[in-house]
Amino acid sequence: MISIFFQRLLLCSLLASGFVHAAAQAGDSTYILRPNDVIRMNVYEEADLSVQVRILKTGQASFPLIGSVDVGGATVASAAAKIRDLYAKDYLVDPKLTLTVDEYATEYISVIGAVKIPGQIPMPVSGNLDLASAMATAGGLTEIADSRSISLIRASGTTATFSMESIQGSSGRVKLAPGDRVIVNQSAFVGKLVSVLGQVGKPGPVPFPVNGQLSLVNAVAMAGGMTELSNPKKVSINRKGTVTIVDYNEVSKRGDHPFLLQPDDVITVAERLF
C-alpha cells in the first residue's frame, strides 16, 4: 500500500509541474504511430476531453475541440506534445495529458507458393520477424518445392533469392518488413518423366525427382530392375533424337559420378541374344 501511495504522489507532483506524459508505458513513448493504431488520450481534470480514437489511413486522428490532427509517423511522445500545444493555443491553460496506444495496428508479410501453410503472417508489435521464423510459421516446404529457389520480394521492390539451406543458416536472420513477400517456387521438375522400356520389370514412365537428380541406375531400379533376359551391356538413352549406348554394369560402378538423366529421356534395355 505504501508503494502505491508514493506512486500516486509522484504522479500528482509531475502533473502539477506541467509534465507532459508521452505515454503511460515506457515502451510507448518512442513507438511510431501508424494507420489503424487505436490511441487513448486522457486530459487531467478534463474528463470530457478524454477519448479513444483510431488513426485513419491518412494518418489523422480526431480529438474534441481541436479536430483532426496528423499523428501518423510521429512517435507517441511527439504526438502528445503536438496535441498539448494545440489545446494550449486556444482552449486550455497549461493542459496536462497522457497519450497511450490501446491497440496496435496489425501489419503482415506473405509466404506463398510451395509451403504447407501459405498465407499472411502478422508482424509482431516489436517489428522483429526474420526469414527463418516466417518459413517456420508457414510450415516449411512441400514435397514439390524447389528448395534452391525461394524469392524474397521486398515492399520496396527489390528481390533476392535464397536456398532453404542458406535460410537454415545465416540468411535466416534476414529481417522482414511489412508488405514483404516470400515466394517458394515449385520445382521445375514436377510432372517431368523419363521412359524406361525393354527388359525391365515395369516398363513405362518414371517420375523425375523434384531435386532434378535422377541417375540411370535409379531409373532402372524404379522401373522394377532388369529382367533375366536383359542385356546390361547394351542400354540405350535417347535424348532428343541423339542415342547413347552404355554398359549398365560399368555405369553402376561409378559411385560419385553417376550417369544423370534429363526429363523426356527414353531408356531402352535391350534383350540378350542367345
Protein backbone atom coordinates (compact mmCIF):
# COMPACT_ATOMS: atom_id res chain seq x y z
CA MET A 1 0.00 0.00 0.00
CA ILE A 2 2.86 2.38 0.80
CA SER A 3 4.45 1.90 -2.60
CA ILE A 4 1.13 2.61 -4.37
CA PHE A 5 0.69 5.77 -2.28
CA PHE A 6 4.11 7.09 -3.26
CA GLN A 7 3.50 6.24 -6.92
CA ARG A 8 0.30 8.30 -6.88
CA LEU A 9 2.03 11.12 -5.03
CA LEU A 10 4.79 11.20 -7.67
CA LEU A 11 2.22 11.22 -10.46
CA CYS A 12 0.36 14.16 -8.94
CA SER A 13 3.56 16.14 -8.49
CA LEU A 14 4.55 15.58 -12.12
CA LEU A 15 1.15 16.71 -13.34
CA ALA A 16 1.22 19.76 -11.11
CA SER A 17 4.61 20.76 -12.51
CA GLY A 18 3.24 20.72 -16.08
CA PHE A 19 4.94 17.48 -17.09
CA VAL A 20 3.50 16.01 -20.32
CA HIS A 21 3.37 12.22 -20.29
CA ALA A 22 4.29 10.83 -23.66
CA ALA A 23 2.75 7.53 -22.70
CA ALA A 24 1.59 5.51 -19.73
CA GLN A 25 4.04 2.77 -20.62
CA ALA A 26 7.73 3.44 -21.01
CA GLY A 27 7.90 1.47 -24.25
CA ASP A 28 5.14 3.57 -25.85
CA SER A 29 6.99 6.86 -25.96
CA THR A 30 9.26 6.03 -28.90
CA TYR A 31 6.70 3.90 -30.76
CA ILE A 32 5.91 5.37 -34.18
CA LEU A 33 2.17 5.74 -34.70
CA ARG A 34 0.67 4.31 -37.87
CA PRO A 35 -2.75 3.95 -39.51
CA ASN A 36 -5.23 1.70 -37.68
CA ASP A 37 -3.49 2.14 -34.33
CA VAL A 38 -6.03 2.86 -31.59
CA ILE A 39 -4.82 5.55 -29.19
CA ARG A 40 -6.25 6.89 -25.95
CA MET A 41 -5.92 10.46 -24.70
CA ASN A 42 -6.59 11.34 -21.09
CA VAL A 43 -6.64 15.01 -20.10
CA TYR A 44 -6.07 15.79 -16.43
CA GLU A 45 -9.18 17.32 -14.82
CA GLU A 46 -10.90 17.45 -18.23
CA ALA A 47 -12.83 14.18 -18.39
CA ASP A 48 -14.98 15.39 -21.30
CA LEU A 49 -11.90 15.67 -23.47
CA SER A 50 -10.62 12.15 -22.78
CA VAL A 51 -11.16 9.95 -25.82
CA GLN A 52 -10.17 6.75 -27.61
CA VAL A 53 -9.64 7.15 -31.37
CA ARG A 54 -8.37 5.15 -34.31
CA ILE A 55 -5.77 6.65 -36.62
CA LEU A 56 -7.09 6.85 -40.19
CA LYS A 57 -5.23 5.78 -43.31
CA THR A 58 -4.41 9.45 -43.85
CA GLY A 59 -2.50 9.42 -40.55
CA GLN A 60 -5.04 11.71 -38.88
CA ALA A 61 -6.97 11.22 -35.67
CA SER A 62 -9.85 13.35 -34.40
CA PHE A 63 -9.89 14.89 -30.92
CA PRO A 64 -12.51 17.01 -29.10
CA LEU A 65 -12.35 20.74 -29.85
CA ILE A 66 -9.13 20.63 -31.91
CA GLY A 67 -10.49 18.27 -34.59
CA SER A 68 -8.22 16.24 -36.87
CA VAL A 69 -4.55 16.09 -36.02
CA ASP A 70 -1.88 14.47 -38.22
CA VAL A 71 -0.14 11.99 -35.90
CA GLY A 72 0.77 9.18 -38.29
CA GLY A 73 4.52 8.70 -38.50
CA ALA A 74 5.10 10.56 -35.23
CA THR A 75 6.27 8.98 -32.01
CA VAL A 76 3.79 8.82 -29.16
CA ALA A 77 5.84 11.40 -27.29
CA SER A 78 5.91 13.91 -30.15
CA ALA A 79 2.21 13.35 -30.93
CA ALA A 80 1.36 14.02 -27.27
CA ALA A 81 3.36 17.24 -27.33
CA LYS A 82 1.70 18.35 -30.58
CA ILE A 83 -1.79 17.73 -29.21
CA ARG A 84 -0.94 19.51 -25.97
CA ASP A 85 0.25 22.58 -27.89
CA LEU A 86 -3.00 22.69 -29.87
CA TYR A 87 -5.09 22.61 -26.70
CA ALA A 88 -2.85 25.21 -25.05
CA LYS A 89 -3.13 27.54 -28.04
CA ASP A 90 -6.90 28.13 -27.96
CA TYR A 91 -8.67 26.07 -25.30
CA LEU A 92 -6.79 25.15 -22.11
CA VAL A 93 -4.30 26.80 -19.83
CA ASP A 94 -1.29 24.55 -19.29
CA PRO A 95 -3.07 21.31 -20.31
CA LYS A 96 -1.75 18.07 -18.87
CA LEU A 97 -2.43 14.92 -20.86
CA THR A 98 -1.29 11.37 -21.46
CA LEU A 99 -1.30 9.52 -24.78
CA THR A 100 -1.16 5.72 -24.93
CA VAL A 101 -1.60 3.03 -27.55
CA ASP A 102 -4.59 0.83 -26.73
CA GLU A 103 -4.38 -1.35 -29.84
CA TYR A 104 -1.53 -1.73 -32.28
CA ALA A 105 -2.29 -1.92 -35.99
CA THR A 106 -1.53 -5.32 -37.48
CA GLU A 107 0.76 -5.46 -40.49
CA TYR A 108 1.61 -8.53 -42.48
CA ILE A 109 4.17 -10.28 -44.63
CA SER A 110 3.16 -13.04 -47.05
CA VAL A 111 4.63 -16.50 -47.53
CA ILE A 112 3.11 -18.16 -50.58
CA GLY A 113 3.85 -20.89 -53.10
CA ALA A 114 5.07 -24.38 -52.25
CA VAL A 115 4.77 -24.17 -48.46
CA LYS A 116 2.48 -26.18 -46.22
CA ILE A 117 0.57 -23.21 -44.76
CA PRO A 118 0.63 -20.40 -47.33
CA GLY A 119 -0.84 -17.01 -46.46
CA GLN A 120 -0.28 -13.85 -44.47
CA ILE A 121 1.76 -13.75 -41.28
CA PRO A 122 1.17 -10.87 -38.83
CA MET A 123 4.18 -8.82 -37.89
CA PRO A 124 4.97 -8.80 -34.16
CA VAL A 125 4.44 -5.49 -32.40
CA SER A 126 8.21 -5.35 -31.94
CA GLY A 127 8.59 -5.43 -35.72
CA ASN A 128 11.16 -8.20 -35.44
CA LEU A 129 10.44 -11.06 -37.83
CA ASP A 130 13.19 -12.85 -39.72
CA LEU A 131 13.12 -15.09 -42.78
CA ALA A 132 13.68 -18.34 -40.86
CA SER A 133 10.81 -17.61 -38.47
CA ALA A 134 8.47 -16.77 -41.35
CA MET A 135 9.30 -20.03 -43.10
CA ALA A 136 8.74 -21.99 -39.90
CA THR A 137 5.36 -20.28 -39.36
CA ALA A 138 4.40 -21.26 -42.92
CA GLY A 139 5.02 -24.90 -42.03
CA GLY A 140 8.11 -25.40 -44.17
CA LEU A 141 8.36 -26.64 -47.73
CA THR A 142 6.03 -29.02 -49.52
CA GLU A 143 7.28 -32.04 -51.42
CA ILE A 144 7.13 -30.20 -54.74
CA ALA A 145 9.09 -27.13 -53.62
CA ASP A 146 12.36 -26.08 -55.20
CA SER A 147 14.47 -25.71 -52.07
CA ARG A 148 17.02 -23.67 -54.05
CA SER A 149 14.54 -21.09 -55.34
CA ILE A 150 12.98 -19.06 -52.51
CA SER A 151 12.35 -15.46 -53.53
CA LEU A 152 12.11 -12.53 -51.15
CA ILE A 153 10.31 -9.62 -52.80
CA ARG A 154 10.59 -6.51 -50.68
CA ALA A 155 7.78 -3.98 -50.40
CA SER A 156 10.34 -1.53 -51.78
CA GLY A 157 10.60 -3.58 -54.99
CA THR A 158 13.98 -5.27 -54.55
CA THR A 159 14.28 -9.05 -54.94
CA ALA A 160 16.68 -11.63 -53.52
CA THR A 161 16.84 -15.42 -53.91
CA PHE A 162 17.74 -17.91 -51.18
CA SER A 163 18.02 -21.65 -50.75
CA MET A 164 16.42 -23.45 -47.83
CA GLU A 165 19.90 -24.50 -46.76
CA SER A 166 21.03 -20.88 -46.53
CA ILE A 167 17.86 -19.90 -44.64
CA GLN A 168 18.65 -22.56 -42.07
CA GLY A 169 21.99 -20.78 -41.68
CA SER A 170 22.95 -17.11 -41.61
CA SER A 171 20.39 -15.99 -44.22
CA GLY A 172 17.61 -16.99 -41.86
CA ARG A 173 18.39 -13.91 -39.78
CA VAL A 174 17.42 -11.55 -42.62
CA LYS A 175 14.81 -9.18 -41.18
CA LEU A 176 11.46 -8.82 -42.91
CA ALA A 177 9.37 -5.66 -43.17
CA PRO A 178 5.61 -5.14 -43.56
CA GLY A 179 4.48 -5.83 -47.11
CA ASP A 180 7.38 -8.16 -47.94
CA ARG A 181 6.53 -11.33 -49.86
CA VAL A 182 8.30 -14.67 -49.68
CA ILE A 183 7.58 -16.91 -52.66
CA VAL A 184 8.67 -20.54 -52.59
CA ASN A 185 8.81 -21.64 -56.19
CA GLN A 186 7.65 -25.04 -57.35
CA SER A 187 10.32 -27.36 -58.71
CA ALA A 188 10.71 -27.17 -62.47
CA PHE A 189 10.82 -30.99 -62.47
CA VAL A 190 7.30 -31.50 -61.11
CA GLY A 191 5.40 -33.65 -63.65
CA LYS A 192 8.54 -34.42 -65.65
CA LEU A 193 9.18 -38.02 -66.70
CA VAL A 194 11.63 -40.39 -68.30
CA SER A 195 10.58 -43.58 -70.05
CA VAL A 196 12.24 -46.90 -69.24
CA LEU A 197 11.44 -49.56 -71.85
CA GLY A 198 12.57 -53.02 -72.86
CA GLN A 199 13.74 -55.71 -70.48
CA VAL A 200 12.76 -54.22 -67.11
CA GLY A 201 10.21 -55.39 -64.57
CA LYS A 202 7.79 -52.48 -65.03
CA PRO A 203 8.30 -50.77 -68.39
CA GLY A 204 6.83 -47.28 -68.69
CA PRO A 205 7.15 -43.74 -67.36
CA VAL A 206 9.27 -42.95 -64.29
CA PRO A 207 8.70 -39.63 -62.46
CA PHE A 208 11.59 -37.21 -62.19
CA PRO A 209 12.58 -36.27 -58.61
CA VAL A 210 11.84 -32.64 -57.72
CA ASN A 211 15.51 -32.05 -56.94
CA GLY A 212 16.33 -32.70 -60.60
CA GLN A 213 18.75 -35.54 -59.86
CA LEU A 214 17.89 -38.88 -61.48
CA SER A 215 20.57 -41.39 -62.39
CA LEU A 216 20.28 -44.20 -64.89
CA VAL A 217 20.72 -46.76 -62.11
CA ASN A 218 17.90 -45.27 -60.04
CA ALA A 219 15.59 -45.00 -63.04
CA VAL A 220 16.07 -48.68 -63.88
CA ALA A 221 15.50 -49.61 -60.24
CA MET A 222 12.27 -47.58 -60.18
CA ALA A 223 11.17 -49.47 -63.30
CA GLY A 224 11.46 -52.77 -61.45
CA GLY A 225 15.05 -53.59 -62.31
CA MET A 226 16.34 -55.64 -65.22
CA THR A 227 14.81 -58.97 -66.20
CA GLU A 228 16.70 -62.23 -66.71
CA LEU A 229 16.50 -61.62 -70.46
CA SER A 230 18.15 -58.19 -70.31
CA ASN A 231 21.49 -57.30 -71.87
CA PRO A 232 23.07 -54.88 -69.35
CA LYS A 233 25.90 -54.14 -71.77
CA LYS A 234 23.50 -52.58 -74.21
CA VAL A 235 21.35 -49.90 -72.62
CA SER A 236 20.42 -47.01 -74.89
CA ILE A 237 19.49 -43.48 -73.89
CA ASN A 238 17.60 -41.49 -76.50
CA ARG A 239 17.88 -37.78 -75.69
CA LYS A 240 16.00 -35.64 -78.18
CA GLY A 241 16.99 -37.92 -81.05
CA THR A 242 20.61 -38.48 -80.02
CA VAL A 243 21.18 -42.07 -78.90
CA THR A 244 23.92 -43.09 -76.47
CA ILE A 245 24.74 -46.75 -75.76
CA VAL A 246 26.18 -47.53 -72.32
CA ASP A 247 27.26 -50.62 -70.37
CA TYR A 248 24.94 -50.65 -67.38
CA ASN A 249 27.34 -52.67 -65.26
CA GLU A 250 30.13 -50.14 -65.75
CA VAL A 251 27.81 -47.18 -65.13
CA SER A 252 26.59 -48.72 -61.87
CA LYS A 253 30.16 -48.81 -60.55
CA ARG A 254 30.81 -45.08 -60.97
CA GLY A 255 29.70 -44.18 -57.46
CA ASP A 256 30.20 -40.43 -57.17
CA HIS A 257 29.93 -39.98 -60.95
CA PRO A 258 26.56 -41.44 -61.94
CA PHE A 259 25.06 -41.24 -65.40
CA LEU A 260 22.46 -38.49 -64.91
CA LEU A 261 19.28 -38.38 -66.95
CA GLN A 262 17.24 -35.44 -68.21
CA PRO A 263 13.46 -35.10 -68.48
CA ASP A 264 11.96 -36.89 -71.51
CA ASP A 265 14.93 -39.22 -71.92
CA VAL A 266 13.93 -42.66 -73.25
CA ILE A 267 15.93 -45.54 -71.81
CA THR A 268 15.73 -48.90 -73.53
CA VAL A 269 17.23 -52.05 -72.03
CA ALA A 270 18.00 -54.43 -74.88
CA GLU A 271 17.19 -58.16 -74.84
CA ARG A 272 20.02 -60.57 -74.56
CA LEU A 273 20.74 -62.64 -77.67
CA PHE A 274 21.30 -66.39 -77.20
